[in-house]
Protein backbone atom coordinates (compact mmCIF):
# COMPACT_ATOMS: atom_id res chain seq x y z
CA MET A 1 24.05 -228.75 43.43
CA ARG A 2 26.29 -227.39 46.33
CA ILE A 3 26.13 -229.01 49.67
CA VAL A 4 26.42 -227.03 52.23
CA ARG A 5 28.61 -228.22 55.85
CA GLY A 6 26.10 -229.33 58.40
CA LYS A 7 23.97 -230.56 55.31
CA LYS A 8 26.85 -232.67 54.17
CA LEU A 9 27.10 -236.36 55.52
CA VAL A 10 29.65 -236.59 58.18
CA PRO A 11 31.97 -240.14 58.08
CA LEU A 12 31.15 -241.19 61.40
CA ALA A 13 28.47 -243.81 62.53
CA ILE A 14 24.98 -242.65 63.12
CA ALA A 15 25.73 -243.05 66.90
CA VAL A 16 28.42 -240.53 66.28
CA LEU A 17 26.29 -238.19 63.79
CA VAL A 18 24.47 -236.22 66.79
CA ALA A 19 27.41 -235.56 68.39
CA ALA A 20 29.50 -234.18 65.15
CA CYS A 21 26.79 -231.76 64.23
CA SER A 22 28.18 -229.29 67.64
CA SER A 23 32.06 -229.97 66.16
CA SER A 24 33.59 -227.65 63.59
CA ALA A 25 36.83 -229.51 63.72
CA THR A 26 37.42 -232.61 61.35
CA PRO A 27 40.65 -234.58 62.14
CA ALA A 28 42.90 -235.06 59.17
CA PRO A 29 42.50 -238.73 58.21
CA SER A 30 45.06 -241.49 57.47
CA LEU A 31 46.93 -241.24 54.01
CA ALA A 32 47.05 -245.06 54.27
CA PRO A 33 44.78 -246.45 51.37
CA LEU A 34 41.38 -247.22 52.67
CA ILE A 35 40.57 -249.83 49.98
CA SER A 36 41.51 -251.92 47.36
CA VAL A 37 41.28 -250.41 43.83
CA ALA A 38 39.35 -252.20 41.48
CA PRO A 39 40.63 -254.02 38.38
CA GLY A 40 40.76 -251.43 35.75
CA ALA A 41 40.55 -248.48 38.08
CA THR A 42 42.44 -245.30 37.57
CA ALA A 43 46.23 -245.98 38.75
CA ALA A 44 48.07 -243.11 40.86
CA LEU A 45 49.54 -240.37 38.23
CA ALA A 46 52.79 -240.05 37.77
CA THR A 47 54.71 -237.17 39.99
CA PRO A 48 53.85 -234.02 37.38
CA THR A 49 56.35 -232.05 35.88
CA PRO A 50 56.61 -228.74 37.41
CA PRO A 51 56.04 -225.77 35.25
CA PRO A 52 59.52 -224.00 34.10
CA ALA A 53 59.04 -220.69 36.29
CA PRO A 54 57.92 -220.73 39.92
CA GLY A 55 55.00 -218.42 40.51
CA THR A 56 51.77 -218.14 43.05
CA LEU A 57 48.80 -220.63 41.96
CA THR A 58 45.52 -219.30 43.49
CA VAL A 59 42.95 -221.75 44.34
CA TRP A 60 39.48 -220.85 45.49
CA ILE A 61 37.44 -223.54 47.23
CA MET A 62 34.08 -223.63 49.13
CA ASN A 63 33.42 -223.37 52.83
CA GLY A 64 33.07 -226.95 53.83
CA SER A 65 34.48 -228.67 51.12
CA LEU A 66 37.77 -229.55 52.52
CA SER A 67 38.97 -229.37 56.14
CA ASP A 68 42.05 -227.11 57.06
CA PRO A 69 44.11 -230.28 58.03
CA VAL A 70 43.38 -231.80 54.34
CA ALA A 71 43.78 -228.90 52.57
CA SER A 72 46.95 -228.27 53.76
CA GLN A 73 48.31 -231.72 52.97
CA LEU A 74 46.97 -231.12 49.26
CA ASN A 75 48.92 -228.03 48.96
CA THR A 76 51.96 -229.05 50.73
CA LYS A 77 52.32 -231.85 48.49
CA PHE A 78 51.52 -229.72 45.36
CA GLU A 79 54.68 -227.06 46.74
CA GLU A 80 56.93 -229.66 47.68
CA SER A 81 56.51 -231.44 43.72
CA HIS A 82 56.72 -227.53 42.41
CA PRO A 83 59.74 -226.37 44.03
CA GLY A 84 59.54 -222.36 44.26
CA TRP A 85 55.96 -222.33 43.74
CA LYS A 86 53.27 -221.14 46.98
CA VAL A 87 49.63 -221.84 46.94
CA ASN A 88 47.47 -218.88 47.81
CA TYR A 89 44.20 -221.26 49.31
CA GLN A 90 41.04 -219.10 49.85
CA VAL A 91 38.12 -220.76 51.14
CA GLN A 92 35.15 -218.76 49.79
CA GLN A 93 31.41 -218.74 51.16
CA TRP A 94 28.44 -220.28 48.85
CA GLY A 95 26.27 -216.69 49.17
CA GLY A 96 26.67 -214.61 46.26
CA ILE A 97 29.53 -216.97 44.84
CA VAL A 98 27.99 -217.09 41.39
CA ASN A 99 28.21 -213.02 40.93
CA LYS A 100 32.03 -213.42 42.34
CA LEU A 101 33.11 -215.77 40.28
CA THR A 102 31.24 -213.71 37.27
CA THR A 103 33.76 -210.99 37.96
CA ALA A 104 36.47 -212.71 38.72
CA LEU A 105 36.61 -214.87 35.89
CA ALA A 106 36.27 -211.54 33.46
CA SER A 107 39.42 -210.06 34.99
CA ASN A 108 42.60 -210.33 34.12
CA ASN A 109 43.76 -212.10 37.38
CA PRO A 110 41.11 -214.88 38.01
CA PRO A 111 41.72 -217.70 40.60
CA ASP A 112 43.83 -220.68 38.79
CA VAL A 113 41.34 -223.37 40.50
CA PHE A 114 38.22 -222.87 41.53
CA GLU A 115 35.14 -225.08 43.13
CA MET A 116 31.68 -224.62 41.97
CA GLY A 117 28.20 -226.64 42.60
CA ASN A 118 27.71 -228.64 39.91
CA THR A 119 24.73 -227.22 38.71
CA GLN A 120 26.44 -223.93 38.87
CA ALA A 121 29.03 -225.11 36.37
CA VAL A 122 26.75 -224.88 33.32
CA THR A 123 26.51 -221.08 33.84
CA PHE A 124 30.68 -220.77 33.48
CA GLU A 125 30.64 -223.61 30.52
CA ALA A 126 27.97 -222.01 28.43
CA ALA A 127 29.92 -218.48 28.66
CA ASP A 128 33.01 -219.68 27.65
CA ALA A 129 34.64 -218.94 30.71
CA LEU A 130 36.58 -222.44 31.26
CA ALA A 131 39.73 -223.78 29.65
CA ASP A 132 38.81 -226.80 27.81
CA LEU A 133 40.17 -229.91 29.58
CA THR A 134 39.46 -232.75 27.03
CA SER A 135 42.99 -233.31 25.87
CA SER A 136 44.02 -233.46 29.69
CA ARG A 137 41.14 -235.93 30.80
CA ALA A 138 43.50 -239.01 31.25
CA ALA A 139 45.86 -237.00 33.38
CA LEU A 140 43.25 -235.55 35.43
CA GLY A 141 42.35 -239.33 36.02
CA GLY A 142 38.62 -239.49 34.23
CA GLY A 143 39.83 -242.28 31.92
CA THR A 144 39.80 -242.44 28.45
CA SER A 145 36.11 -241.57 27.16
CA ASN A 146 33.79 -238.10 27.28
CA VAL A 147 30.67 -240.77 27.58
CA SER A 148 29.63 -240.87 30.78
CA ALA A 149 27.98 -244.53 30.08
CA ASP A 150 31.50 -245.96 28.45
CA PRO A 151 33.94 -248.28 30.82
CA GLY A 152 36.17 -246.01 29.87
CA GLN A 153 35.03 -243.12 31.55
CA ALA A 154 36.18 -243.18 35.15
CA TRP A 155 34.55 -240.59 37.02
CA LEU A 156 30.79 -240.95 38.82
CA ALA A 157 28.46 -240.41 35.66
CA SER A 158 26.16 -237.46 36.76
CA LEU A 159 29.35 -235.48 38.17
CA ASN A 160 30.80 -236.66 34.60
CA ASP A 161 27.64 -234.84 32.74
CA ALA A 162 28.07 -232.00 35.10
CA SER A 163 31.76 -231.37 33.50
CA MET A 164 30.73 -231.82 29.82
CA TYR A 165 29.50 -229.17 27.73
CA ASN A 166 29.06 -229.43 24.06
CA GLY A 167 31.14 -232.73 23.90
CA LYS A 168 33.78 -230.96 25.85
CA LEU A 169 35.21 -231.83 29.24
CA MET A 170 34.88 -228.09 30.91
CA ALA A 171 35.64 -228.83 34.83
CA VAL A 172 36.82 -231.85 36.96
CA PRO A 173 34.65 -233.91 39.30
CA PHE A 174 35.16 -233.14 42.90
CA TYR A 175 32.86 -234.87 45.38
CA ALA A 176 29.04 -235.74 45.63
CA GLY A 177 26.17 -236.68 48.15
CA ASP A 178 23.12 -238.66 47.42
CA ARG A 179 19.90 -239.93 48.85
CA VAL A 180 19.38 -242.97 50.71
CA LEU A 181 15.99 -244.40 52.25
CA ILE A 182 16.17 -243.69 56.63
CA TYR A 183 13.82 -246.06 58.30
CA ARG A 184 12.91 -246.64 61.99
CA THR A 185 14.60 -249.92 63.26
CA ASP A 186 12.21 -250.08 66.33
CA LEU A 187 9.20 -249.81 63.87
CA LEU A 188 10.16 -252.28 61.44
CA ALA A 189 11.10 -254.76 64.68
CA ALA A 190 7.72 -254.23 65.71
CA SER A 191 6.26 -254.94 62.79
CA LYS A 192 7.99 -257.82 61.84
CA ILE A 193 9.69 -256.22 58.69
CA ASP A 194 13.14 -257.10 57.70
CA PRO A 195 15.15 -254.25 55.82
CA ALA A 196 17.19 -256.26 53.92
CA THR A 197 13.83 -257.30 52.34
CA ILE A 198 12.76 -254.10 50.84
CA THR A 199 14.26 -254.57 47.21
CA SER A 200 11.55 -253.14 45.16
CA LYS A 201 9.00 -250.94 44.78
CA ALA A 202 6.55 -253.26 45.63
CA LYS A 203 8.05 -254.28 48.69
CA LEU A 204 8.45 -250.78 49.95
CA ILE A 205 4.99 -250.06 49.31
CA ALA A 206 3.85 -253.20 51.51
CA ALA A 207 6.25 -251.98 53.98
CA ALA A 208 4.92 -248.37 54.23
CA GLN A 209 1.14 -249.93 54.55
CA GLN A 210 2.09 -252.40 57.18
CA LEU A 211 3.73 -249.58 59.22
CA GLN A 212 0.80 -247.41 58.45
CA LYS A 213 -1.76 -250.36 59.95
CA ASP A 214 0.55 -250.59 62.99
CA ASN A 215 0.77 -247.18 63.93
CA ALA A 216 -2.63 -245.94 63.49
CA SER A 217 -3.25 -244.59 66.80
CA VAL A 218 -0.38 -241.76 65.73
CA LYS A 219 -2.04 -239.07 64.58
CA ASP A 220 -0.68 -238.10 61.01
CA PHE A 221 1.78 -241.13 60.83
CA SER A 222 3.54 -241.80 57.57
CA GLY A 223 4.59 -245.28 57.10
CA LEU A 224 6.45 -243.66 54.19
CA TYR A 225 6.82 -240.31 54.07
CA LEU A 226 6.56 -238.11 51.16
CA PRO A 227 6.02 -234.70 50.40
CA GLY A 228 4.19 -233.71 47.24
CA GLN A 229 6.77 -231.82 45.79
CA ASN A 230 9.89 -233.59 46.29
CA TRP A 231 10.94 -233.20 42.83
CA TYR A 232 14.57 -234.74 43.69
CA ALA A 233 12.83 -238.09 44.21
CA LEU A 234 10.79 -237.40 41.56
CA ILE A 235 13.54 -237.41 38.83
CA GLN A 236 15.18 -240.36 40.28
CA MET A 237 12.16 -242.60 39.96
CA ILE A 238 11.98 -240.78 36.24
CA TRP A 239 15.15 -242.17 35.56
CA ASP A 240 14.64 -245.81 36.84
CA GLU A 241 11.82 -245.81 34.75
CA GLY A 242 13.99 -245.12 31.64
CA GLY A 243 12.78 -241.50 31.19
CA GLN A 244 14.44 -238.16 30.95
CA ILE A 245 13.43 -234.84 32.15
CA ALA A 246 14.50 -233.13 28.80
CA THR A 247 16.62 -234.02 25.57
CA GLN A 248 18.79 -231.94 23.39
CA SER A 249 18.57 -231.91 19.68
CA ASN A 250 20.87 -229.14 17.77
CA GLY A 251 20.90 -226.90 20.06
CA THR A 252 17.43 -226.71 21.52
CA TRP A 253 16.03 -228.80 24.36
CA THR A 254 12.88 -230.31 24.69
CA SER A 255 11.26 -231.50 27.98
CA THR A 256 10.09 -235.31 28.08
CA LEU A 257 8.08 -235.39 31.06
CA SER A 258 5.19 -236.68 29.07
CA SER A 259 7.03 -239.48 27.26
CA PRO A 260 5.54 -242.92 28.31
CA ALA A 261 8.69 -243.89 30.56
CA ALA A 262 8.81 -240.42 32.45
CA GLN A 263 5.13 -240.97 33.21
CA LYS A 264 5.76 -244.28 34.52
CA GLY A 265 8.22 -242.81 37.11
CA ILE A 266 5.54 -240.03 37.77
CA GLN A 267 2.75 -242.80 38.46
CA ASP A 268 5.76 -244.42 40.91
CA TYR A 269 5.71 -241.11 42.93
CA VAL A 270 2.11 -240.99 43.10
CA ASP A 271 1.83 -244.91 44.20
CA TYR A 272 4.50 -244.37 47.10
CA TYR A 273 2.66 -241.27 48.33
CA ALA A 274 -1.05 -243.29 48.03
CA ALA A 275 0.67 -245.80 50.09
CA GLY A 276 0.54 -243.79 53.57
CA SER A 277 2.35 -240.75 53.36
CA THR A 278 0.44 -237.66 55.35
CA GLY A 279 3.03 -235.08 53.58
CA PRO A 280 1.46 -231.70 52.31
CA MET A 281 0.52 -232.22 48.52
CA ASN A 282 1.24 -228.55 47.52
CA ASN A 283 5.22 -228.32 49.55
CA ASP A 284 8.49 -230.01 49.48
CA GLU A 285 10.62 -232.00 52.39
CA ALA A 286 11.97 -228.71 53.91
CA ASN A 287 8.42 -227.36 54.65
CA PRO A 288 7.96 -228.83 57.08
CA GLN A 289 11.45 -230.57 57.48
CA GLN A 290 10.75 -234.29 56.92
CA ASN A 291 13.51 -235.41 59.63
CA THR A 292 11.72 -233.23 62.32
CA LEU A 293 8.91 -235.39 62.06
CA PHE A 294 10.73 -238.47 61.60
CA GLN A 295 12.34 -237.76 65.17
CA GLN A 296 8.63 -236.58 66.54
CA GLY A 297 7.61 -240.20 65.51
CA LYS A 298 5.30 -239.44 63.02
CA VAL A 299 7.07 -241.36 60.26
CA GLY A 300 8.43 -244.84 59.61
CA MET A 301 10.65 -244.52 56.54
CA TYR A 302 11.71 -241.44 54.20
CA ILE A 303 13.81 -240.60 50.91
CA GLY A 304 16.58 -238.13 52.40
CA ASN A 305 20.11 -237.10 52.45
CA GLY A 306 22.93 -238.95 54.41
CA TRP A 307 23.20 -235.31 56.72
CA GLU A 308 19.24 -235.84 57.46
CA ILE A 309 20.23 -238.54 59.55
CA GLY A 310 21.81 -236.54 62.77
CA GLY A 311 18.82 -233.84 62.73
CA SER A 312 16.30 -237.35 62.89
CA ILE A 313 17.85 -237.75 66.44
CA GLY A 314 16.51 -235.27 69.22
CA THR A 315 17.08 -235.32 73.10
CA THR A 316 13.18 -235.38 73.42
CA GLY A 317 10.48 -236.92 71.31
CA ALA A 318 10.12 -240.30 69.84
CA VAL A 319 13.70 -240.73 68.40
CA THR A 320 16.06 -240.18 71.01
CA LYS A 321 18.67 -243.07 70.24
CA ALA A 322 21.05 -243.37 67.20
CA SER A 323 20.02 -247.19 67.53
CA GLN A 324 16.54 -246.59 66.48
CA VAL A 325 17.68 -244.99 63.16
CA ALA A 326 19.31 -246.66 60.11
CA ALA A 327 19.56 -246.30 56.45
CA MET A 328 19.24 -248.24 53.20
CA PRO A 329 19.77 -248.13 49.22
CA ILE A 330 16.52 -246.69 47.99
CA PRO A 331 14.69 -249.49 45.88
CA SER A 332 13.99 -249.76 42.41
CA VAL A 333 11.16 -250.95 40.53
CA ASN A 334 13.16 -254.01 39.45
CA ASP A 335 13.44 -256.30 42.29
CA GLY A 336 17.24 -256.41 43.92
CA LYS A 337 18.35 -253.08 42.04
CA THR A 338 18.13 -249.67 43.43
CA VAL A 339 17.14 -246.48 41.55
CA PRO A 340 19.72 -244.19 40.06
CA VAL A 341 20.51 -241.26 42.29
CA PHE A 342 20.80 -237.53 41.80
CA LEU A 343 24.15 -236.28 43.21
CA GLY A 344 24.72 -233.12 44.75
CA GLY A 345 27.95 -232.11 44.79
CA SER A 346 30.99 -230.11 43.38
CA VAL A 347 33.26 -229.79 40.34
CA ILE A 348 36.45 -228.11 40.01
CA GLY A 349 36.89 -225.41 36.84
CA ILE A 350 40.23 -223.63 35.37
CA PRO A 351 39.55 -220.49 33.72
CA LYS A 352 40.42 -220.08 30.19
CA ASN A 353 42.15 -217.13 30.89
CA THR A 354 44.65 -218.49 33.80
CA LYS A 355 48.43 -217.69 33.36
CA ASN A 356 49.34 -221.02 35.40
CA MET A 357 47.46 -223.72 33.26
CA GLN A 358 49.75 -226.43 33.83
CA ALA A 359 50.37 -225.61 37.49
CA ALA A 360 46.41 -225.77 38.00
CA LEU A 361 45.97 -229.25 36.26
CA ASP A 362 49.06 -230.69 38.40
CA TRP A 363 47.04 -229.42 41.56
CA VAL A 364 43.59 -230.48 40.28
CA ALA A 365 44.60 -233.98 39.45
CA GLN A 366 45.93 -234.66 42.85
CA LEU A 367 42.34 -235.30 43.43
CA SER A 368 41.88 -238.21 41.40
CA THR A 369 45.18 -239.95 43.11
CA PRO A 370 44.53 -242.46 45.76
CA THR A 371 45.79 -240.06 48.23
CA GLY A 372 43.08 -237.83 47.12
CA GLN A 373 40.12 -240.06 46.79
CA ASN A 374 41.11 -241.54 50.26
CA LEU A 375 41.08 -237.29 51.89
CA GLU A 376 37.52 -237.14 50.57
CA ILE A 377 36.51 -240.55 51.62
CA GLY A 378 38.12 -239.57 55.08
CA LEU A 379 35.73 -236.37 55.25
CA GLY A 380 32.39 -238.16 54.41
CA GLU A 381 31.98 -237.36 50.68
CA ILE A 382 31.54 -239.42 48.10
CA PRO A 383 34.76 -239.91 46.06
CA SER A 384 34.76 -238.52 42.23
CA LEU A 385 35.96 -241.96 40.64
CA LYS A 386 33.47 -244.85 39.89
CA ALA A 387 36.20 -247.34 41.08
CA TYR A 388 36.69 -245.91 45.04
CA ALA A 389 32.72 -244.89 45.47
CA ALA A 390 32.34 -248.82 44.80
CA ASN A 391 34.97 -249.99 47.18
CA ILE A 392 34.52 -248.05 50.31
CA ALA A 393 36.05 -249.76 53.29
CA ASP A 394 33.14 -251.66 55.02
CA THR A 395 33.51 -250.25 58.56
CA PRO A 396 31.03 -248.55 61.22
CA ALA A 397 32.05 -245.11 60.52
CA ASN A 398 31.33 -245.15 56.93
CA ALA A 399 28.04 -247.45 57.40
CA THR A 400 25.91 -244.83 55.42
CA LEU A 401 28.36 -243.23 53.27
CA LYS A 402 29.26 -246.65 52.20
CA ILE A 403 25.43 -247.23 50.70
CA GLN A 404 25.40 -243.67 49.31
CA ALA A 405 28.65 -244.19 47.37
CA ALA A 406 27.45 -247.60 46.18
CA GLU A 407 24.26 -246.06 44.61
CA ALA A 408 25.98 -243.42 43.00
CA ALA A 409 28.74 -245.63 41.76
CA ALA A 410 25.76 -248.05 40.43
CA ALA A 411 23.79 -245.43 38.43
CA SER A 412 23.58 -241.67 38.88
CA GLY A 413 21.75 -238.81 37.05
CA PHE A 414 21.87 -235.35 36.46
CA THR A 415 19.80 -232.59 35.52
CA PRO A 416 19.63 -231.25 32.20
CA ASN A 417 22.84 -229.57 31.75
CA ALA A 418 21.56 -226.66 29.95
CA LYS A 419 22.18 -222.81 31.10
CA GLY A 420 18.24 -222.12 30.82
CA TRP A 421 18.02 -224.91 33.77
CA ALA A 422 18.41 -222.76 37.02
CA ALA A 423 15.48 -220.68 35.55
CA VAL A 424 13.59 -223.81 35.57
CA GLU A 425 14.21 -224.85 38.97
CA ALA A 426 13.62 -221.32 40.19
CA ASN A 427 10.02 -221.48 39.51
CA ASN A 428 9.86 -225.47 39.44
CA PRO A 429 7.05 -226.62 36.82
CA LEU A 430 7.75 -230.22 38.08
CA LYS A 431 6.43 -229.34 41.85
CA ALA A 432 3.31 -227.55 40.21
CA MET A 433 3.13 -230.76 38.26
CA LEU A 434 2.77 -232.95 41.25
CA THR A 435 0.67 -230.92 43.24
CA SER A 436 -1.92 -230.95 40.27
CA ILE A 437 -2.27 -234.68 40.29
CA LEU A 438 -1.98 -235.68 43.48
CA THR A 439 -4.98 -233.36 44.21
CA LYS A 440 -7.02 -234.59 41.43
CA GLN A 441 -7.02 -231.27 39.19
CA ALA A 442 -5.17 -233.49 36.43
CA THR A 443 -4.33 -236.83 35.09
CA VAL A 444 -0.69 -237.49 34.80
CA ASP A 445 -0.57 -237.31 31.01
CA ALA A 446 -2.27 -233.99 31.18
CA ALA A 447 -0.16 -232.50 33.95
CA ALA A 448 2.83 -234.09 32.45
CA LYS A 449 2.11 -232.36 28.95
CA ALA A 450 1.32 -228.89 30.87
CA ALA A 451 4.57 -229.08 32.39
CA ASP A 452 6.64 -230.25 29.24
CA THR A 453 5.07 -226.93 27.58
CA LYS A 454 6.60 -224.70 30.42
CA VAL A 455 10.04 -226.44 30.85
CA SER A 456 10.81 -226.32 27.39
CA ALA A 457 9.76 -222.64 27.08
CA VAL A 458 11.99 -221.61 30.13
CA ILE A 459 14.74 -224.14 29.63
CA ASN A 460 15.68 -222.31 25.91
CA GLY A 461 15.15 -218.97 27.09
CA GLN A 462 11.94 -218.44 25.80
């Protein structure tokens, strides 16, 4: 899932987030280490051995992923360690990128390195268009294991999942972003709710109900705003209960929304909605925009991306000060834990037919060095390595990013890495399932089984 500039967390304190929305320039962050690497974390890579003959390395990075100064630092460092080589660095637009990449990768002159949204990657992995990087995992900073849950696997779990296909490493994690619980500090204070005490599903529901009661005079007020079709929030709740959307066996995917664990996650969503949401049962978080409702004073808390904080503060309305807004991790059903989060973000691919394989590997390897990880943090992106995501410096500038990164390092999940998943999202049965439950047209069990039938058919291309 790509993160669009303007819809990506900017690495500033909340007070500065609003002003940042009007600025297109991103200052180059210092290369001084921002954190202490945890024991066992990936060390800096050795200086790569330049390819035997100089040439030109073509790199395609998407608009908004790297600022010009950061890209310049990476390219200059590569050229300095590879005498005679030049980087042909090109910024690409998200619109139409899948078609453009499809054409380029089928040609005799593809880009040597290119960025993909993490949910786009499977399109090219399944088409056998990417180089198998499995033997280069350690050199690329990913540790010694391909299995996301293993201690020897160094990248954030869901980014590693997006980079794997049929047991092989086909891409390299780049950066990510995820969701947090955004809340009104003034309303929680007025209701005598300490945010630090909201550490479980039960406590979040109690807080939502208290806010609902104390703000009953506000028309259509939601203590915890949740629209009927926020499937991103839903899948996190399913993972939190130990469920999955679908599983694969012998090349066939089977939807598992009706499993006992998944049904518990669906019920959690229903419980949260019933706790005090006035969101539409038949629409998602963008219709209407939930941060706009928050800014208007109709929402006490909502689950949103870090970038939504900027749109939660306006010049008129109920929320006009940065001090009225803060964020916290999304609590789990288990007290003291947080939900596994869905990471939107990007991975890096190297074409199977590149003529500059070693040079491409060397450029990509920079992203997992301390310099590369700190550059990503400086851009407000969750870095790809678990060790760095879990140890972001505790500064006002990193306030929300630190929460997001800690969630991601603790546990993250990913949509089924199946070629047919894009077709599932296009006409999403999970959304229809939620609406049928909330409008009482179907029970959780019946709606989940109906969704299983649809998802299983579409994901397998039937």
